[in-house]
Amino acid sequence: MSEKIKIAILISGIGSNMESLIIDLKKKDHPGRAHMVISDNPNALGIKRAQQLSIPTFSITPKSKCLDKNVFEKKLLTMLRSNEIQVICLAGFMRILSATFIDSFSGEILNIHPSILPSLKGLNTHYRALKKGIHVHGATVHKVTKNLDSGTILGQTTIKILKDDTPQSLSDRLKPEEHQLYVQVLRNFLLDNSNVIQKVI
């Protein structure tokens, strides 16, 4: 059997998508392996979750909240290269990676975004979806490029917006679908399966 593809998962918070990815990556038939979890937040709950799942964890933490972006990304890139990481999965990682970093990393970077891209790029997507009065919401897994939330779409899932939904209830209902989508897309991606996953709930 060929050697498994080394995956780094980057997080900033709870790490629920990270946890789903790790559980699936641990399966014998998976083409990838969760090699490390890196956080920019040393207090992220996701770090404890990853450790409980026996995945090495690291944090790149500024002494002040204003760590120079170039310094942070150089440290991150050094860590990724020294561990021979081939694919990065962003899972609730709240820093926007620079074009320089994206160009410098030799592998691929995937991200999950809580909207049906190209609609609702950026933050606060659940609130914005409700404010716009649209009837469906969802999540997208895409390749990361220099342009925010604009890379090739690899998979999407959609759910109906209910009359009494709040941003929190919408987020809560979407999360399980996000987890399933990211797991399926990552497997496809590592197996060079170019089919775009489209799920409607």
N, C-alpha and C. Protein backbone atom coordinates (compact mmCIF):
# COMPACT_ATOMS: atom_id res chain seq x y z
N MET A 1 0.85 -1.20 0.00
CA MET A 1 0.00 0.00 0.00
C MET A 1 0.88 1.24 0.00
N SER A 2 0.52 2.23 -0.82
CA SER A 2 1.33 3.44 -0.90
C SER A 2 1.22 4.24 0.39
N GLU A 3 2.22 5.07 0.64
CA GLU A 3 2.25 5.86 1.86
C GLU A 3 1.11 6.87 1.87
N LYS A 4 0.52 7.06 3.02
CA LYS A 4 -0.62 7.97 3.13
C LYS A 4 -0.19 9.43 3.02
N ILE A 5 -1.09 10.24 2.48
CA ILE A 5 -0.84 11.67 2.28
C ILE A 5 -0.91 12.36 3.63
N LYS A 6 0.09 13.19 3.92
CA LYS A 6 0.17 13.87 5.22
C LYS A 6 -0.69 15.13 5.22
N ILE A 7 -1.62 15.18 6.19
CA ILE A 7 -2.56 16.29 6.29
C ILE A 7 -2.28 17.09 7.55
N ALA A 8 -2.29 18.41 7.43
CA ALA A 8 -2.29 19.30 8.60
C ALA A 8 -3.64 20.00 8.65
N ILE A 9 -4.23 20.04 9.83
CA ILE A 9 -5.50 20.72 10.02
C ILE A 9 -5.26 21.97 10.85
N LEU A 10 -5.71 23.10 10.35
CA LEU A 10 -5.51 24.38 11.03
C LEU A 10 -6.83 24.85 11.63
N ILE A 11 -6.78 25.21 12.91
CA ILE A 11 -7.99 25.61 13.63
C ILE A 11 -7.75 26.88 14.44
N SER A 12 -8.86 27.48 14.89
CA SER A 12 -8.79 28.60 15.82
C SER A 12 -9.71 28.41 17.02
N GLY A 13 -10.65 27.48 16.92
CA GLY A 13 -11.67 27.38 17.96
C GLY A 13 -12.02 25.97 18.36
N ILE A 14 -13.33 25.67 18.32
CA ILE A 14 -13.86 24.42 18.85
C ILE A 14 -13.34 23.19 18.11
N GLY A 15 -13.25 23.29 16.81
CA GLY A 15 -12.66 22.20 16.04
C GLY A 15 -13.61 21.06 15.73
N SER A 16 -14.91 21.35 15.53
CA SER A 16 -15.85 20.26 15.25
C SER A 16 -15.62 19.65 13.87
N ASN A 17 -15.34 20.49 12.87
CA ASN A 17 -15.01 19.95 11.55
C ASN A 17 -13.69 19.18 11.59
N MET A 18 -12.74 19.70 12.36
CA MET A 18 -11.46 19.01 12.55
C MET A 18 -11.67 17.62 13.11
N GLU A 19 -12.51 17.52 14.13
CA GLU A 19 -12.75 16.23 14.78
C GLU A 19 -13.33 15.22 13.80
N SER A 20 -14.28 15.65 12.98
CA SER A 20 -14.87 14.75 12.00
C SER A 20 -13.84 14.28 10.98
N LEU A 21 -12.98 15.21 10.56
CA LEU A 21 -11.92 14.84 9.61
C LEU A 21 -10.97 13.82 10.23
N ILE A 22 -10.55 14.07 11.46
CA ILE A 22 -9.60 13.16 12.12
C ILE A 22 -10.19 11.76 12.26
N ILE A 23 -11.44 11.67 12.70
CA ILE A 23 -12.07 10.36 12.89
C ILE A 23 -12.08 9.58 11.58
N ASP A 24 -12.39 10.27 10.48
CA ASP A 24 -12.41 9.58 9.19
C ASP A 24 -10.99 9.26 8.71
N LEU A 25 -10.05 10.17 8.94
CA LEU A 25 -8.67 9.96 8.51
C LEU A 25 -8.02 8.78 9.23
N LYS A 26 -8.54 8.41 10.38
CA LYS A 26 -8.00 7.29 11.13
C LYS A 26 -8.40 5.93 10.56
N LYS A 27 -9.36 5.93 9.65
CA LYS A 27 -9.82 4.67 9.07
C LYS A 27 -8.77 4.09 8.13
N LYS A 28 -8.63 2.78 8.14
CA LYS A 28 -7.57 2.11 7.39
C LYS A 28 -7.64 2.36 5.89
N ASP A 29 -8.85 2.55 5.38
CA ASP A 29 -8.98 2.70 3.93
C ASP A 29 -8.79 4.14 3.45
N HIS A 30 -8.50 5.04 4.38
CA HIS A 30 -8.36 6.45 3.98
C HIS A 30 -7.00 6.70 3.33
N PRO A 31 -6.99 7.47 2.23
CA PRO A 31 -5.71 7.76 1.55
C PRO A 31 -4.85 8.79 2.28
N GLY A 32 -5.42 9.45 3.27
CA GLY A 32 -4.66 10.47 4.01
C GLY A 32 -4.48 10.11 5.47
N ARG A 33 -3.65 10.91 6.14
CA ARG A 33 -3.40 10.72 7.57
C ARG A 33 -3.33 12.09 8.24
N ALA A 34 -4.03 12.23 9.35
CA ALA A 34 -3.96 13.48 10.12
C ALA A 34 -2.61 13.52 10.83
N HIS A 35 -1.69 14.28 10.29
CA HIS A 35 -0.32 14.29 10.81
C HIS A 35 -0.16 15.28 11.96
N MET A 36 -0.91 16.38 11.92
CA MET A 36 -0.78 17.39 12.96
C MET A 36 -1.95 18.36 12.91
N VAL A 37 -2.22 18.96 14.07
CA VAL A 37 -3.20 20.04 14.17
C VAL A 37 -2.47 21.27 14.68
N ILE A 38 -2.67 22.39 14.00
CA ILE A 38 -2.00 23.63 14.36
C ILE A 38 -3.07 24.69 14.64
N SER A 39 -2.89 25.42 15.73
CA SER A 39 -3.83 26.48 16.09
C SER A 39 -3.10 27.79 16.31
N ASP A 40 -3.79 28.89 16.00
CA ASP A 40 -3.26 30.20 16.33
C ASP A 40 -3.80 30.67 17.68
N ASN A 41 -4.51 29.78 18.35
CA ASN A 41 -5.12 30.08 19.65
C ASN A 41 -4.77 28.97 20.63
N PRO A 42 -3.90 29.23 21.60
CA PRO A 42 -3.46 28.16 22.51
C PRO A 42 -4.59 27.64 23.40
N ASN A 43 -5.68 28.41 23.50
CA ASN A 43 -6.79 28.01 24.35
C ASN A 43 -7.93 27.37 23.55
N ALA A 44 -7.69 27.11 22.28
CA ALA A 44 -8.74 26.53 21.43
C ALA A 44 -9.15 25.17 21.96
N LEU A 45 -10.46 24.96 22.09
CA LEU A 45 -10.97 23.67 22.55
C LEU A 45 -10.55 22.55 21.60
N GLY A 46 -10.39 22.90 20.33
CA GLY A 46 -10.00 21.91 19.33
C GLY A 46 -8.66 21.25 19.62
N ILE A 47 -7.77 21.96 20.30
CA ILE A 47 -6.47 21.38 20.65
C ILE A 47 -6.67 20.18 21.57
N LYS A 48 -7.52 20.35 22.58
CA LYS A 48 -7.78 19.24 23.52
C LYS A 48 -8.45 18.08 22.79
N ARG A 49 -9.38 18.41 21.88
CA ARG A 49 -10.06 17.35 21.13
C ARG A 49 -9.05 16.56 20.30
N ALA A 50 -8.13 17.26 19.64
CA ALA A 50 -7.13 16.58 18.81
C ALA A 50 -6.22 15.71 19.66
N GLN A 51 -5.82 16.20 20.82
CA GLN A 51 -4.97 15.43 21.72
C GLN A 51 -5.68 14.17 22.20
N GLN A 52 -6.97 14.28 22.48
CA GLN A 52 -7.75 13.11 22.89
C GLN A 52 -7.82 12.07 21.78
N LEU A 53 -7.68 12.54 20.54
CA LEU A 53 -7.68 11.63 19.39
C LEU A 53 -6.26 11.23 18.97
N SER A 54 -5.29 11.54 19.84
CA SER A 54 -3.88 11.14 19.67
C SER A 54 -3.22 11.77 18.45
N ILE A 55 -3.58 13.02 18.14
CA ILE A 55 -2.95 13.75 17.04
C ILE A 55 -2.02 14.80 17.63
N PRO A 56 -0.77 14.89 17.18
CA PRO A 56 0.14 15.92 17.66
C PRO A 56 -0.42 17.33 17.42
N THR A 57 -0.34 18.18 18.42
CA THR A 57 -0.87 19.54 18.30
C THR A 57 0.22 20.57 18.55
N PHE A 58 0.06 21.69 17.88
CA PHE A 58 1.01 22.79 17.99
C PHE A 58 0.24 24.11 17.96
N SER A 59 0.74 25.11 18.64
CA SER A 59 0.14 26.43 18.53
C SER A 59 1.24 27.44 18.21
N ILE A 60 0.92 28.32 17.31
CA ILE A 60 1.81 29.44 16.98
C ILE A 60 1.11 30.67 17.53
N THR A 61 1.59 31.10 18.68
CA THR A 61 0.84 32.11 19.43
C THR A 61 1.65 33.38 19.60
N PRO A 62 1.06 34.51 19.27
CA PRO A 62 1.75 35.78 19.49
C PRO A 62 1.82 36.12 20.97
N LYS A 63 2.92 36.77 21.38
CA LYS A 63 3.01 37.27 22.75
C LYS A 63 2.02 38.41 22.93
N SER A 64 1.78 39.12 21.85
CA SER A 64 0.71 40.12 21.84
C SER A 64 -0.26 39.71 20.75
N LYS A 65 -1.41 40.34 20.72
CA LYS A 65 -2.42 39.99 19.72
C LYS A 65 -2.05 40.50 18.34
N CYS A 66 -0.99 41.27 18.25
CA CYS A 66 -0.63 41.90 16.99
C CYS A 66 0.63 41.30 16.39
N LEU A 67 0.75 39.98 16.46
CA LEU A 67 1.90 39.32 15.84
C LEU A 67 1.94 39.66 14.36
N ASP A 68 3.09 40.10 13.91
CA ASP A 68 3.26 40.45 12.50
C ASP A 68 2.87 39.25 11.64
N LYS A 69 2.04 39.50 10.64
CA LYS A 69 1.52 38.41 9.80
C LYS A 69 2.64 37.65 9.12
N ASN A 70 3.67 38.36 8.66
CA ASN A 70 4.78 37.70 7.98
C ASN A 70 5.51 36.74 8.92
N VAL A 71 5.70 37.18 10.17
CA VAL A 71 6.37 36.33 11.16
C VAL A 71 5.55 35.08 11.42
N PHE A 72 4.24 35.26 11.62
CA PHE A 72 3.36 34.12 11.87
C PHE A 72 3.42 33.13 10.71
N GLU A 73 3.30 33.63 9.49
CA GLU A 73 3.26 32.73 8.34
C GLU A 73 4.60 32.05 8.08
N LYS A 74 5.69 32.73 8.38
CA LYS A 74 7.00 32.09 8.23
C LYS A 74 7.14 30.92 9.21
N LYS A 75 6.69 31.12 10.43
CA LYS A 75 6.73 30.05 11.43
C LYS A 75 5.85 28.88 11.00
N LEU A 76 4.68 29.21 10.50
CA LEU A 76 3.74 28.19 10.05
C LEU A 76 4.32 27.41 8.88
N LEU A 77 4.88 28.11 7.92
CA LEU A 77 5.44 27.46 6.74
C LEU A 77 6.62 26.55 7.11
N THR A 78 7.46 27.01 8.02
CA THR A 78 8.58 26.20 8.49
C THR A 78 8.09 24.91 9.13
N MET A 79 7.05 25.02 9.94
CA MET A 79 6.50 23.85 10.62
C MET A 79 5.92 22.85 9.61
N LEU A 80 5.22 23.37 8.62
CA LEU A 80 4.60 22.51 7.61
C LEU A 80 5.67 21.80 6.76
N ARG A 81 6.69 22.55 6.38
CA ARG A 81 7.76 21.96 5.56
C ARG A 81 8.55 20.91 6.33
N SER A 82 8.85 21.19 7.59
CA SER A 82 9.64 20.25 8.38
C SER A 82 8.89 18.94 8.63
N ASN A 83 7.56 19.01 8.55
CA ASN A 83 6.75 17.81 8.73
C ASN A 83 6.29 17.22 7.40
N GLU A 84 6.77 17.77 6.31
CA GLU A 84 6.47 17.28 4.95
C GLU A 84 4.97 17.19 4.69
N ILE A 85 4.26 18.23 5.11
CA ILE A 85 2.81 18.27 4.92
C ILE A 85 2.49 18.48 3.45
N GLN A 86 1.53 17.71 2.95
CA GLN A 86 1.15 17.77 1.53
C GLN A 86 -0.16 18.50 1.29
N VAL A 87 -1.07 18.42 2.27
CA VAL A 87 -2.38 19.08 2.14
C VAL A 87 -2.73 19.73 3.47
N ILE A 88 -3.23 20.96 3.39
CA ILE A 88 -3.73 21.67 4.56
C ILE A 88 -5.25 21.71 4.49
N CYS A 89 -5.90 21.40 5.61
CA CYS A 89 -7.35 21.58 5.72
C CYS A 89 -7.61 22.68 6.74
N LEU A 90 -8.18 23.77 6.29
CA LEU A 90 -8.59 24.83 7.20
C LEU A 90 -9.95 24.45 7.77
N ALA A 91 -10.06 24.44 9.09
CA ALA A 91 -11.30 24.02 9.74
C ALA A 91 -11.62 25.02 10.85
N GLY A 92 -12.23 26.12 10.47
CA GLY A 92 -12.49 27.18 11.44
C GLY A 92 -11.23 27.94 11.80
N PHE A 93 -10.33 28.09 10.84
CA PHE A 93 -9.09 28.85 11.03
C PHE A 93 -9.40 30.30 10.64
N MET A 94 -9.27 31.21 11.60
CA MET A 94 -9.81 32.55 11.42
C MET A 94 -8.83 33.57 10.84
N ARG A 95 -7.64 33.13 10.49
CA ARG A 95 -6.69 34.04 9.83
C ARG A 95 -6.78 33.87 8.32
N ILE A 96 -6.71 34.98 7.60
CA ILE A 96 -6.67 34.92 6.15
C ILE A 96 -5.21 34.77 5.72
N LEU A 97 -4.91 33.69 5.01
CA LEU A 97 -3.54 33.43 4.56
C LEU A 97 -3.20 34.34 3.39
N SER A 98 -1.99 34.85 3.41
CA SER A 98 -1.57 35.79 2.37
C SER A 98 -1.27 35.09 1.05
N ALA A 99 -1.26 35.87 -0.01
CA ALA A 99 -0.90 35.33 -1.33
C ALA A 99 0.52 34.77 -1.30
N THR A 100 1.39 35.41 -0.55
CA THR A 100 2.79 34.93 -0.44
C THR A 100 2.84 33.55 0.19
N PHE A 101 2.06 33.36 1.24
CA PHE A 101 2.03 32.04 1.90
C PHE A 101 1.47 30.99 0.95
N ILE A 102 0.36 31.30 0.30
CA ILE A 102 -0.28 30.35 -0.60
C ILE A 102 0.67 29.96 -1.73
N ASP A 103 1.41 30.92 -2.26
CA ASP A 103 2.39 30.64 -3.32
C ASP A 103 3.56 29.81 -2.80
N SER A 104 3.91 30.02 -1.54
CA SER A 104 5.09 29.36 -0.97
C SER A 104 4.83 27.92 -0.57
N PHE A 105 3.58 27.61 -0.23
CA PHE A 105 3.25 26.24 0.16
C PHE A 105 3.11 25.37 -1.08
N SER A 106 3.84 24.28 -1.12
CA SER A 106 3.91 23.48 -2.34
C SER A 106 2.70 22.57 -2.53
N GLY A 107 1.93 22.36 -1.47
CA GLY A 107 0.78 21.47 -1.57
C GLY A 107 -0.51 22.23 -1.82
N GLU A 108 -1.63 21.57 -1.52
CA GLU A 108 -2.95 22.17 -1.72
C GLU A 108 -3.54 22.59 -0.37
N ILE A 109 -4.38 23.61 -0.40
CA ILE A 109 -5.05 24.09 0.80
C ILE A 109 -6.56 24.05 0.55
N LEU A 110 -7.29 23.38 1.45
CA LEU A 110 -8.74 23.31 1.35
C LEU A 110 -9.37 24.09 2.51
N ASN A 111 -10.57 24.58 2.28
CA ASN A 111 -11.29 25.31 3.32
C ASN A 111 -12.76 24.97 3.26
N ILE A 112 -13.43 25.02 4.41
CA ILE A 112 -14.89 24.91 4.42
C ILE A 112 -15.46 26.25 4.84
N HIS A 113 -16.42 26.73 4.05
CA HIS A 113 -17.02 28.04 4.29
C HIS A 113 -18.52 27.89 4.49
N PRO A 114 -19.10 28.52 5.51
CA PRO A 114 -20.52 28.34 5.81
C PRO A 114 -21.45 29.20 4.96
N SER A 115 -21.43 28.98 3.67
CA SER A 115 -22.42 29.56 2.76
C SER A 115 -22.36 28.79 1.45
N ILE A 116 -23.34 29.05 0.60
CA ILE A 116 -23.34 28.45 -0.73
C ILE A 116 -22.59 29.41 -1.65
N LEU A 117 -21.29 29.23 -1.70
CA LEU A 117 -20.47 30.12 -2.54
C LEU A 117 -20.90 30.00 -4.00
N PRO A 118 -20.80 31.09 -4.76
CA PRO A 118 -20.11 32.35 -4.45
C PRO A 118 -20.92 33.35 -3.64
N SER A 119 -22.09 32.97 -3.15
CA SER A 119 -22.88 33.88 -2.32
C SER A 119 -22.31 33.95 -0.90
N LEU A 120 -22.39 35.12 -0.29
CA LEU A 120 -22.05 35.33 1.11
C LEU A 120 -20.60 34.95 1.45
N LYS A 121 -19.68 35.54 0.75
CA LYS A 121 -18.27 35.38 1.11
C LYS A 121 -18.00 36.15 2.41
N GLY A 122 -16.97 35.74 3.14
CA GLY A 122 -16.60 36.48 4.34
C GLY A 122 -17.30 35.95 5.59
N LEU A 123 -17.44 36.85 6.58
CA LEU A 123 -17.90 36.47 7.92
C LEU A 123 -19.41 36.62 8.11
N ASN A 124 -19.89 36.12 9.25
CA ASN A 124 -21.28 36.30 9.70
C ASN A 124 -22.30 35.81 8.67
N THR A 125 -22.04 34.68 8.08
CA THR A 125 -22.88 34.22 6.97
C THR A 125 -24.28 33.83 7.41
N HIS A 126 -24.43 33.28 8.61
CA HIS A 126 -25.76 32.85 9.06
C HIS A 126 -26.67 34.07 9.27
N TYR A 127 -26.13 35.07 9.92
CA TYR A 127 -26.88 36.32 10.13
C TYR A 127 -27.24 36.97 8.80
N ARG A 128 -26.27 37.01 7.91
CA ARG A 128 -26.50 37.67 6.62
C ARG A 128 -27.52 36.91 5.77
N ALA A 129 -27.50 35.57 5.87
CA ALA A 129 -28.47 34.77 5.12
C ALA A 129 -29.89 35.08 5.58
N LEU A 130 -30.07 35.19 6.89
CA LEU A 130 -31.39 35.50 7.43
C LEU A 130 -31.81 36.92 7.08
N LYS A 131 -30.88 37.85 7.14
CA LYS A 131 -31.19 39.24 6.84
C LYS A 131 -31.61 39.42 5.38
N LYS A 132 -31.01 38.62 4.50
CA LYS A 132 -31.35 38.72 3.07
C LYS A 132 -32.70 38.08 2.76
N GLY A 133 -33.21 37.27 3.68
CA GLY A 133 -34.50 36.65 3.47
C GLY A 133 -34.49 35.53 2.45
N ILE A 134 -33.34 34.90 2.27
CA ILE A 134 -33.25 33.79 1.32
C ILE A 134 -33.82 32.52 1.94
N HIS A 135 -34.14 31.55 1.13
CA HIS A 135 -34.83 30.35 1.59
C HIS A 135 -33.91 29.16 1.83
N VAL A 136 -32.69 29.22 1.32
CA VAL A 136 -31.74 28.12 1.53
C VAL A 136 -30.39 28.68 1.97
N HIS A 137 -29.68 27.86 2.70
CA HIS A 137 -28.35 28.21 3.19
C HIS A 137 -27.49 26.95 3.04
N GLY A 138 -26.22 27.04 3.34
CA GLY A 138 -25.41 25.84 3.20
C GLY A 138 -23.95 26.07 3.48
N ALA A 139 -23.13 25.16 2.98
CA ALA A 139 -21.68 25.22 3.19
C ALA A 139 -20.98 24.75 1.92
N THR A 140 -19.76 25.22 1.75
CA THR A 140 -18.96 24.91 0.56
C THR A 140 -17.55 24.52 0.98
N VAL A 141 -17.02 23.46 0.40
CA VAL A 141 -15.60 23.15 0.52
C VAL A 141 -14.94 23.55 -0.79
N HIS A 142 -13.87 24.32 -0.68
CA HIS A 142 -13.23 24.85 -1.88
C HIS A 142 -11.71 24.91 -1.70
N LYS A 143 -11.02 25.00 -2.81
CA LYS A 143 -9.58 25.24 -2.76
C LYS A 143 -9.32 26.68 -2.35
N VAL A 144 -8.25 26.89 -1.62
CA VAL A 144 -7.89 28.24 -1.18
C VAL A 144 -6.98 28.89 -2.22
N THR A 145 -7.35 30.10 -2.62
CA THR A 145 -6.56 30.88 -3.56
C THR A 145 -6.30 32.26 -2.97
N LYS A 146 -5.64 33.10 -3.74
CA LYS A 146 -5.31 34.45 -3.28
C LYS A 146 -6.56 35.28 -3.03
N ASN A 147 -7.64 34.98 -3.74
CA ASN A 147 -8.88 35.72 -3.58
C ASN A 147 -9.79 35.04 -2.57
N LEU A 148 -10.29 35.79 -1.60
CA LEU A 148 -11.05 35.25 -0.48
C LEU A 148 -12.27 34.46 -0.94
N ASP A 149 -12.37 33.21 -0.47
CA ASP A 149 -13.54 32.35 -0.72
C ASP A 149 -13.89 32.25 -2.20
N SER A 150 -12.86 32.18 -3.05
CA SER A 150 -13.11 32.20 -4.50
C SER A 150 -12.46 31.05 -5.26
N GLY A 151 -11.87 30.09 -4.55
CA GLY A 151 -11.20 28.98 -5.24
C GLY A 151 -12.18 27.97 -5.79
N THR A 152 -11.65 27.02 -6.53
CA THR A 152 -12.47 25.97 -7.14
C THR A 152 -13.35 25.28 -6.11
N ILE A 153 -14.64 25.19 -6.40
CA ILE A 153 -15.59 24.53 -5.51
C ILE A 153 -15.50 23.02 -5.68
N LEU A 154 -15.31 22.32 -4.55
CA LEU A 154 -15.17 20.86 -4.56
C LEU A 154 -16.43 20.16 -4.06
N GLY A 155 -17.26 20.86 -3.32
CA GLY A 155 -18.48 20.26 -2.81
C GLY A 155 -19.33 21.28 -2.09
N GLN A 156 -20.65 21.07 -2.11
CA GLN A 156 -21.57 21.96 -1.43
C GLN A 156 -22.71 21.16 -0.82
N THR A 157 -23.23 21.66 0.29
CA THR A 157 -24.43 21.10 0.90
C THR A 157 -25.38 22.24 1.21
N THR A 158 -26.67 22.00 1.08
CA THR A 158 -27.66 23.04 1.34
C THR A 158 -28.74 22.55 2.29
N ILE A 159 -29.27 23.48 3.08
CA ILE A 159 -30.40 23.19 3.96
C ILE A 159 -31.43 24.30 3.79
N LYS A 160 -32.68 23.99 4.11
CA LYS A 160 -33.74 24.99 4.04
C LYS A 160 -33.66 25.89 5.27
N ILE A 161 -33.95 27.17 5.07
CA ILE A 161 -34.04 28.10 6.19
C ILE A 161 -35.48 28.09 6.69
N LEU A 162 -35.64 27.86 7.99
CA LEU A 162 -36.97 27.80 8.60
C LEU A 162 -37.42 29.17 9.08
N LYS A 163 -38.72 29.34 9.21
CA LYS A 163 -39.27 30.66 9.58
C LYS A 163 -38.75 31.16 10.92
N ASP A 164 -38.56 30.25 11.87
CA ASP A 164 -38.13 30.68 13.20
C ASP A 164 -36.62 30.55 13.42
N ASP A 165 -35.87 30.38 12.35
CA ASP A 165 -34.42 30.23 12.49
C ASP A 165 -33.77 31.51 13.03
N THR A 166 -32.75 31.31 13.84
CA THR A 166 -31.84 32.37 14.29
C THR A 166 -30.46 32.02 13.73
N PRO A 167 -29.52 32.96 13.79
CA PRO A 167 -28.17 32.60 13.34
C PRO A 167 -27.63 31.36 14.05
N GLN A 168 -27.94 31.23 15.35
CA GLN A 168 -27.44 30.08 16.11
C GLN A 168 -28.11 28.79 15.69
N SER A 169 -29.43 28.81 15.52
CA SER A 169 -30.13 27.58 15.14
C SER A 169 -29.73 27.15 13.73
N LEU A 170 -29.51 28.13 12.88
CA LEU A 170 -29.07 27.83 11.52
C LEU A 170 -27.69 27.19 11.54
N SER A 171 -26.81 27.75 12.33
CA SER A 171 -25.46 27.18 12.49
C SER A 171 -25.53 25.77 13.05
N ASP A 172 -26.37 25.56 14.06
CA ASP A 172 -26.48 24.24 14.70
C ASP A 172 -26.98 23.18 13.74
N ARG A 173 -27.93 23.55 12.89
CA ARG A 173 -28.48 22.57 11.93
C ARG A 173 -27.51 22.31 10.77
N LEU A 174 -26.72 23.32 10.44
CA LEU A 174 -25.80 23.16 9.32
C LEU A 174 -24.55 22.36 9.69
N LYS A 175 -24.12 22.46 10.95
CA LYS A 175 -22.86 21.84 11.37
C LYS A 175 -22.73 20.37 11.01
N PRO A 176 -23.73 19.52 11.31
CA PRO A 176 -23.58 18.10 10.96
C PRO A 176 -23.42 17.88 9.45
N GLU A 177 -24.07 18.73 8.67
CA GLU A 177 -23.94 18.61 7.21
C GLU A 177 -22.55 19.06 6.76
N GLU A 178 -22.02 20.09 7.40
CA GLU A 178 -20.64 20.52 7.12
C GLU A 178 -19.67 19.38 7.35
N HIS A 179 -19.82 18.73 8.50
CA HIS A 179 -18.90 17.65 8.88
C HIS A 179 -18.90 16.54 7.82
N GLN A 180 -20.09 16.13 7.43
CA GLN A 180 -20.21 15.06 6.44
C GLN A 180 -19.64 15.48 5.09
N LEU A 181 -19.91 16.72 4.70
CA LEU A 181 -19.42 17.22 3.42
C LEU A 181 -17.90 17.26 3.38
N TYR A 182 -17.28 17.81 4.41
CA TYR A 182 -15.83 17.97 4.42
C TYR A 182 -15.15 16.60 4.36
N VAL A 183 -15.68 15.66 5.12
CA VAL A 183 -15.13 14.30 5.13
C VAL A 183 -15.19 13.68 3.72
N GLN A 184 -16.32 13.80 3.07
CA GLN A 184 -16.49 13.21 1.74
C GLN A 184 -15.62 13.91 0.70
N VAL A 185 -15.57 15.24 0.77
CA VAL A 185 -14.78 15.99 -0.20
C VAL A 185 -13.29 15.68 -0.06
N LEU A 186 -12.80 15.61 1.17
CA LEU A 186 -11.38 15.33 1.37
C LEU A 186 -11.01 13.98 0.79
N ARG A 187 -11.82 12.96 1.03
CA ARG A 187 -11.56 11.64 0.44
C ARG A 187 -11.50 11.73 -1.08
N ASN A 188 -12.49 12.35 -1.67
CA ASN A 188 -12.51 12.51 -3.13
C ASN A 188 -11.27 13.21 -3.63
N PHE A 189 -10.93 14.29 -2.95
CA PHE A 189 -9.80 15.11 -3.38
C PHE A 189 -8.49 14.32 -3.35
N LEU A 190 -8.27 13.57 -2.29
CA LEU A 190 -7.03 12.81 -2.15
C LEU A 190 -6.96 11.65 -3.14
N LEU A 191 -8.13 11.19 -3.59
CA LEU A 191 -8.18 10.10 -4.57
C LEU A 191 -8.24 10.62 -6.00
N ASP A 192 -8.07 11.94 -6.16
CA ASP A 192 -8.12 12.57 -7.49
C ASP A 192 -9.46 12.38 -8.18
N ASN A 193 -10.50 12.29 -7.37
CA ASN A 193 -11.86 12.22 -7.91
C ASN A 193 -12.36 13.65 -8.09
N SER A 194 -12.58 14.05 -9.33
CA SER A 194 -12.92 15.45 -9.62
C SER A 194 -14.41 15.74 -9.56
N ASN A 195 -15.21 14.75 -9.21
CA ASN A 195 -16.66 14.98 -9.13
C ASN A 195 -16.97 15.96 -8.00
N VAL A 196 -17.75 16.99 -8.30
CA VAL A 196 -18.16 17.96 -7.31
C VAL A 196 -19.36 17.41 -6.54
N ILE A 197 -19.24 17.34 -5.23
CA ILE A 197 -20.32 16.82 -4.40
C ILE A 197 -21.39 17.88 -4.22
N GLN A 198 -22.63 17.54 -4.51
CA GLN A 198 -23.76 18.45 -4.32
C GLN A 198 -24.81 17.73 -3.48
N LYS A 199 -25.06 18.26 -2.27
CA LYS A 199 -26.02 17.63 -1.36
C LYS A 199 -27.12 18.63 -1.04
N VAL A 200 -28.36 18.18 -1.16
CA VAL A 200 -29.51 19.03 -0.82
C VAL A 200 -30.30 18.35 0.29
N ILE A 201 -30.49 19.03 1.39
CA ILE A 201 -31.20 18.48 2.54
C ILE A 201 -32.64 19.04 2.58
